[in-house]
N, C-alpha and C. Protein backbone atom coordinates (compact mmCIF):
# COMPACT_ATOMS: atom_id res chain seq x y z
N UNK A 1 -18.04 12.30 12.13
CA UNK A 1 -17.38 11.41 13.07
C UNK A 1 -15.87 11.53 12.94
N UNK A 2 -15.21 11.48 14.05
CA UNK A 2 -13.76 11.53 14.06
C UNK A 2 -13.20 10.12 14.05
N UNK A 3 -12.15 9.93 13.29
CA UNK A 3 -11.51 8.63 13.25
C UNK A 3 -10.44 8.59 14.33
N UNK A 4 -10.31 7.43 14.97
CA UNK A 4 -9.32 7.25 16.02
C UNK A 4 -8.53 5.98 15.74
N UNK A 5 -7.37 5.90 16.36
CA UNK A 5 -6.59 4.66 16.30
C UNK A 5 -6.46 4.14 17.72
N UNK A 6 -6.45 2.83 17.85
CA UNK A 6 -6.34 2.19 19.15
C UNK A 6 -4.89 1.79 19.37
N UNK A 7 -4.33 2.25 20.48
CA UNK A 7 -2.93 2.02 20.80
C UNK A 7 -2.82 1.22 22.09
N UNK A 8 -1.91 0.28 22.11
CA UNK A 8 -1.61 -0.46 23.33
C UNK A 8 -0.65 0.39 24.15
N UNK A 9 -0.98 0.62 25.39
CA UNK A 9 -0.13 1.45 26.25
C UNK A 9 1.05 0.66 26.81
N UNK A 10 1.01 -0.65 26.70
CA UNK A 10 2.13 -1.47 27.19
C UNK A 10 3.23 -1.60 26.14
N UNK A 11 2.85 -1.99 24.91
CA UNK A 11 3.87 -2.20 23.87
C UNK A 11 3.94 -1.05 22.87
N UNK A 12 3.04 -0.05 23.01
CA UNK A 12 3.03 1.15 22.18
C UNK A 12 2.88 0.83 20.69
N UNK A 13 2.02 -0.13 20.36
CA UNK A 13 1.74 -0.48 18.98
C UNK A 13 0.30 -0.14 18.65
N UNK A 14 0.08 0.19 17.39
CA UNK A 14 -1.28 0.44 16.93
C UNK A 14 -1.96 -0.91 16.71
N UNK A 15 -3.13 -1.07 17.30
CA UNK A 15 -3.81 -2.37 17.19
C UNK A 15 -5.11 -2.28 16.40
N UNK A 16 -5.41 -1.13 15.86
CA UNK A 16 -6.60 -1.00 15.04
C UNK A 16 -7.02 0.45 14.89
N UNK A 17 -8.11 0.64 14.16
CA UNK A 17 -8.65 1.98 13.99
C UNK A 17 -10.15 1.89 13.86
N UNK A 18 -10.82 2.98 14.08
CA UNK A 18 -12.27 3.03 14.01
C UNK A 18 -12.75 4.45 14.20
N UNK A 19 -14.00 4.58 14.59
CA UNK A 19 -14.55 5.91 14.86
C UNK A 19 -14.63 6.12 16.37
N UNK A 20 -14.83 7.36 16.76
CA UNK A 20 -14.85 7.65 18.19
C UNK A 20 -16.09 7.09 18.89
N UNK A 21 -17.08 6.63 18.15
CA UNK A 21 -18.27 6.04 18.75
C UNK A 21 -18.14 4.53 18.94
N UNK A 22 -17.11 3.93 18.38
CA UNK A 22 -16.89 2.50 18.53
C UNK A 22 -16.13 2.23 19.82
N UNK A 23 -16.33 1.05 20.38
CA UNK A 23 -15.58 0.70 21.58
C UNK A 23 -14.24 0.09 21.17
N UNK A 24 -13.18 0.39 21.92
CA UNK A 24 -11.85 -0.14 21.57
C UNK A 24 -11.76 -1.64 21.87
N UNK A 25 -10.77 -2.31 21.28
CA UNK A 25 -10.57 -3.72 21.60
C UNK A 25 -10.26 -3.90 23.08
N UNK A 26 -10.62 -5.06 23.62
CA UNK A 26 -10.40 -5.32 25.05
C UNK A 26 -8.95 -5.63 25.37
N UNK A 27 -8.26 -6.31 24.44
CA UNK A 27 -6.87 -6.70 24.67
C UNK A 27 -6.04 -6.41 23.44
N UNK A 28 -4.75 -6.22 23.66
CA UNK A 28 -3.79 -6.03 22.57
C UNK A 28 -3.54 -7.38 21.90
N UNK A 29 -3.59 -7.39 20.58
CA UNK A 29 -3.37 -8.64 19.85
C UNK A 29 -1.90 -9.03 19.80
N UNK A 30 -1.00 -8.11 20.16
CA UNK A 30 0.43 -8.39 20.10
C UNK A 30 0.97 -8.88 21.45
N UNK A 31 0.65 -8.15 22.54
CA UNK A 31 1.23 -8.51 23.84
C UNK A 31 0.19 -9.04 24.83
N UNK A 32 -1.11 -8.92 24.52
CA UNK A 32 -2.14 -9.44 25.40
C UNK A 32 -2.53 -8.51 26.54
N UNK A 33 -1.96 -7.33 26.58
CA UNK A 33 -2.27 -6.38 27.65
C UNK A 33 -3.68 -5.83 27.48
N UNK A 34 -4.30 -5.45 28.60
CA UNK A 34 -5.63 -4.86 28.53
C UNK A 34 -5.58 -3.34 28.65
N UNK A 35 -4.40 -2.76 28.54
CA UNK A 35 -4.23 -1.31 28.61
C UNK A 35 -4.28 -0.74 27.18
N UNK A 36 -5.49 -0.51 26.71
CA UNK A 36 -5.71 -0.01 25.35
C UNK A 36 -6.27 1.39 25.42
N UNK A 37 -5.67 2.30 24.69
CA UNK A 37 -6.13 3.69 24.65
C UNK A 37 -6.45 4.11 23.23
N UNK A 38 -7.06 5.27 23.10
CA UNK A 38 -7.39 5.80 21.78
C UNK A 38 -6.66 7.11 21.55
N UNK A 39 -6.33 7.35 20.30
CA UNK A 39 -5.73 8.61 19.88
C UNK A 39 -6.41 9.04 18.60
N UNK A 40 -6.48 10.34 18.38
CA UNK A 40 -7.05 10.85 17.15
C UNK A 40 -6.18 10.42 15.97
N UNK A 41 -6.82 9.95 14.94
CA UNK A 41 -6.10 9.49 13.76
C UNK A 41 -5.72 10.67 12.89
N UNK A 42 -4.45 10.89 12.75
CA UNK A 42 -3.93 11.95 11.91
C UNK A 42 -3.37 11.32 10.65
N UNK A 43 -3.75 11.83 9.52
CA UNK A 43 -3.25 11.27 8.27
C UNK A 43 -1.75 11.49 8.14
N UNK A 44 -1.24 12.55 8.74
CA UNK A 44 0.18 12.86 8.64
C UNK A 44 1.06 11.81 9.31
N UNK A 45 0.50 11.03 10.25
CA UNK A 45 1.32 10.02 10.91
C UNK A 45 1.42 8.73 10.08
N UNK A 46 0.81 8.73 8.93
CA UNK A 46 0.88 7.58 8.03
C UNK A 46 1.94 7.85 6.97
N UNK A 47 2.41 6.79 6.35
CA UNK A 47 3.46 6.92 5.34
C UNK A 47 2.91 6.66 3.95
N UNK A 48 3.55 7.26 2.97
CA UNK A 48 3.24 6.95 1.58
C UNK A 48 3.96 5.66 1.22
N UNK A 49 3.34 4.89 0.35
CA UNK A 49 3.95 3.65 -0.11
C UNK A 49 4.37 3.83 -1.57
N UNK A 50 5.65 3.61 -1.84
CA UNK A 50 6.19 3.73 -3.18
C UNK A 50 6.42 2.34 -3.75
N UNK A 51 5.95 2.12 -4.96
CA UNK A 51 6.11 0.83 -5.62
C UNK A 51 6.78 1.04 -6.97
N UNK A 52 7.57 0.08 -7.36
CA UNK A 52 8.19 0.12 -8.68
C UNK A 52 7.89 -1.20 -9.38
N UNK A 53 7.32 -1.09 -10.54
CA UNK A 53 6.98 -2.26 -11.35
C UNK A 53 8.07 -2.40 -12.42
N UNK A 54 8.62 -3.60 -12.56
CA UNK A 54 9.73 -3.79 -13.50
C UNK A 54 9.52 -5.08 -14.29
N UNK A 55 9.78 -4.99 -15.58
CA UNK A 55 9.78 -6.17 -16.44
C UNK A 55 11.20 -6.30 -16.99
N UNK A 56 11.76 -7.49 -16.85
CA UNK A 56 13.15 -7.70 -17.21
C UNK A 56 13.26 -8.93 -18.12
N UNK A 57 13.92 -8.77 -19.26
CA UNK A 57 14.20 -9.89 -20.15
C UNK A 57 15.63 -10.33 -19.85
N UNK A 58 15.79 -11.47 -19.19
CA UNK A 58 17.11 -11.94 -18.77
C UNK A 58 18.02 -12.23 -19.95
N UNK A 59 17.45 -12.73 -21.02
CA UNK A 59 18.26 -13.13 -22.17
C UNK A 59 18.89 -11.93 -22.86
N UNK A 60 18.12 -10.89 -23.07
CA UNK A 60 18.63 -9.72 -23.79
C UNK A 60 19.11 -8.61 -22.87
N UNK A 61 18.69 -8.63 -21.62
CA UNK A 61 19.09 -7.59 -20.68
C UNK A 61 18.24 -6.34 -20.74
N UNK A 62 17.16 -6.36 -21.49
CA UNK A 62 16.28 -5.20 -21.61
C UNK A 62 15.41 -5.10 -20.35
N UNK A 63 15.36 -3.91 -19.77
CA UNK A 63 14.57 -3.66 -18.57
C UNK A 63 13.65 -2.47 -18.82
N UNK A 64 12.42 -2.59 -18.36
CA UNK A 64 11.47 -1.49 -18.42
C UNK A 64 10.88 -1.31 -17.03
N UNK A 65 10.81 -0.06 -16.57
CA UNK A 65 10.34 0.22 -15.22
C UNK A 65 9.31 1.35 -15.23
N UNK A 66 8.42 1.30 -14.25
CA UNK A 66 7.49 2.40 -13.98
C UNK A 66 7.13 2.30 -12.51
N UNK A 67 6.85 3.42 -11.90
CA UNK A 67 6.53 3.41 -10.48
C UNK A 67 5.26 4.18 -10.17
N UNK A 68 4.78 3.98 -8.95
CA UNK A 68 3.63 4.73 -8.48
C UNK A 68 3.68 4.83 -6.96
N UNK A 69 2.96 5.81 -6.43
CA UNK A 69 2.91 6.07 -5.00
C UNK A 69 1.46 6.07 -4.54
N UNK A 70 1.23 5.46 -3.40
CA UNK A 70 -0.10 5.52 -2.78
C UNK A 70 0.05 6.35 -1.51
N UNK A 71 -0.63 7.49 -1.49
CA UNK A 71 -0.53 8.45 -0.39
C UNK A 71 -1.48 8.06 0.75
N UNK A 72 -1.19 8.52 1.96
CA UNK A 72 -2.06 8.21 3.10
C UNK A 72 -3.51 8.65 2.90
N UNK A 73 -3.71 9.77 2.24
CA UNK A 73 -5.08 10.25 2.04
C UNK A 73 -5.88 9.32 1.16
N UNK A 74 -5.20 8.44 0.41
CA UNK A 74 -5.89 7.51 -0.47
C UNK A 74 -6.25 6.19 0.21
N UNK A 75 -5.50 5.79 1.24
CA UNK A 75 -5.76 4.49 1.84
C UNK A 75 -6.30 4.51 3.27
N UNK A 76 -6.19 5.62 3.96
CA UNK A 76 -6.69 5.68 5.34
C UNK A 76 -8.21 5.59 5.34
N UNK A 77 -8.73 4.65 6.10
CA UNK A 77 -10.17 4.49 6.23
C UNK A 77 -10.81 3.64 5.15
N UNK A 78 -10.04 3.06 4.26
CA UNK A 78 -10.59 2.23 3.18
C UNK A 78 -10.75 0.80 3.64
N UNK A 79 -11.66 0.09 3.02
CA UNK A 79 -11.83 -1.33 3.31
C UNK A 79 -10.83 -2.13 2.49
N UNK A 80 -10.74 -3.41 2.78
CA UNK A 80 -9.82 -4.29 2.05
C UNK A 80 -10.13 -4.33 0.56
N UNK A 81 -11.40 -4.36 0.21
CA UNK A 81 -11.78 -4.40 -1.21
C UNK A 81 -11.40 -3.10 -1.91
N UNK A 82 -11.60 -1.97 -1.23
CA UNK A 82 -11.23 -0.67 -1.81
C UNK A 82 -9.72 -0.60 -2.04
N UNK A 83 -8.94 -1.15 -1.11
CA UNK A 83 -7.48 -1.14 -1.25
C UNK A 83 -7.04 -2.03 -2.41
N UNK A 84 -7.71 -3.16 -2.60
CA UNK A 84 -7.39 -4.03 -3.73
C UNK A 84 -7.64 -3.32 -5.05
N UNK A 85 -8.77 -2.62 -5.14
CA UNK A 85 -9.11 -1.89 -6.36
C UNK A 85 -8.10 -0.77 -6.61
N UNK A 86 -7.74 -0.04 -5.55
CA UNK A 86 -6.77 1.05 -5.67
C UNK A 86 -5.42 0.52 -6.16
N UNK A 87 -4.94 -0.56 -5.53
CA UNK A 87 -3.65 -1.13 -5.91
C UNK A 87 -3.69 -1.67 -7.33
N UNK A 88 -4.74 -2.37 -7.69
CA UNK A 88 -4.85 -2.95 -9.03
C UNK A 88 -4.91 -1.87 -10.10
N UNK A 89 -5.63 -0.79 -9.85
CA UNK A 89 -5.71 0.27 -10.85
C UNK A 89 -4.38 0.98 -11.01
N UNK A 90 -3.67 1.21 -9.91
CA UNK A 90 -2.35 1.85 -10.01
C UNK A 90 -1.34 0.94 -10.70
N UNK A 91 -1.41 -0.36 -10.40
CA UNK A 91 -0.49 -1.32 -11.02
C UNK A 91 -0.76 -1.43 -12.52
N UNK A 92 -2.02 -1.44 -12.90
CA UNK A 92 -2.34 -1.52 -14.33
C UNK A 92 -1.89 -0.26 -15.07
N UNK A 93 -1.99 0.90 -14.42
CA UNK A 93 -1.51 2.13 -15.03
C UNK A 93 0.01 2.08 -15.22
N UNK A 94 0.72 1.56 -14.23
CA UNK A 94 2.18 1.45 -14.33
C UNK A 94 2.57 0.47 -15.44
N UNK A 95 1.87 -0.64 -15.55
CA UNK A 95 2.16 -1.60 -16.63
C UNK A 95 1.88 -1.01 -18.00
N UNK A 96 0.82 -0.22 -18.09
CA UNK A 96 0.54 0.41 -19.38
C UNK A 96 1.60 1.44 -19.75
N UNK A 97 2.20 2.08 -18.74
CA UNK A 97 3.30 3.00 -19.02
C UNK A 97 4.53 2.26 -19.51
N UNK A 98 4.77 1.08 -18.94
CA UNK A 98 5.92 0.27 -19.36
C UNK A 98 5.75 -0.18 -20.80
N UNK A 99 4.56 -0.66 -21.12
CA UNK A 99 4.30 -1.22 -22.45
C UNK A 99 3.63 -0.20 -23.35
N UNK A 100 4.14 1.02 -23.34
CA UNK A 100 3.47 2.11 -24.03
C UNK A 100 3.63 2.08 -25.55
N UNK A 101 4.62 1.36 -26.04
CA UNK A 101 4.76 1.32 -27.49
C UNK A 101 5.13 -0.10 -27.96
N UNK A 102 4.94 -0.33 -29.23
CA UNK A 102 5.18 -1.65 -29.81
C UNK A 102 6.64 -2.05 -29.72
N UNK A 103 7.55 -1.11 -29.89
CA UNK A 103 8.98 -1.42 -29.85
C UNK A 103 9.38 -1.95 -28.48
N UNK A 104 8.90 -1.33 -27.42
CA UNK A 104 9.23 -1.79 -26.07
C UNK A 104 8.67 -3.19 -25.83
N UNK A 105 7.46 -3.44 -26.27
CA UNK A 105 6.86 -4.79 -26.13
C UNK A 105 7.71 -5.82 -26.87
N UNK A 106 8.13 -5.48 -28.10
CA UNK A 106 8.94 -6.41 -28.88
C UNK A 106 10.29 -6.65 -28.20
N UNK A 107 10.92 -5.59 -27.69
CA UNK A 107 12.22 -5.73 -27.01
C UNK A 107 12.13 -6.62 -25.77
N UNK A 108 11.00 -6.60 -25.10
CA UNK A 108 10.84 -7.40 -23.89
C UNK A 108 10.56 -8.88 -24.17
N UNK A 109 9.97 -9.19 -25.31
CA UNK A 109 9.64 -10.59 -25.59
C UNK A 109 10.59 -11.27 -26.57
N UNK A 110 11.44 -10.51 -27.22
CA UNK A 110 12.36 -11.13 -28.19
C UNK A 110 13.51 -11.85 -27.48
N UNK A 111 14.08 -12.81 -28.16
CA UNK A 111 15.24 -13.53 -27.60
C UNK A 111 16.51 -13.22 -28.38
N UNK A 112 16.46 -12.20 -29.21
CA UNK A 112 17.64 -11.81 -30.00
C UNK A 112 18.41 -10.73 -29.27
N UNK A 113 19.70 -10.98 -29.04
CA UNK A 113 20.56 -9.99 -28.41
C UNK A 113 20.95 -8.94 -29.43
N UNK A 114 21.07 -7.74 -28.98
CA UNK A 114 21.45 -6.65 -29.89
C UNK A 114 22.94 -6.51 -29.98
């Protein structure tokens, strides 16, 4: 099955996605127009999402950061539950990178300035 996206021809916004065997929505949820068309869903027209996780100790000024990216091939066509699992697993990996050693953990929780 080919995946398609539903586009409003009046306001030119994407109003949903599905398969080519599904019927498109009757009206646009943004402008209320009934001019809804379908286009083939291309993964390349989606963007990657970059996130940065940061822990900051205001008292000492110590900052630890780690980041991660979620690519279109990972989130296109996923359900809400799948996206939650994907985001949570990536976030937990980033946090584990931040707290990778005992010294960094101690620096983040201590209240002693260096």
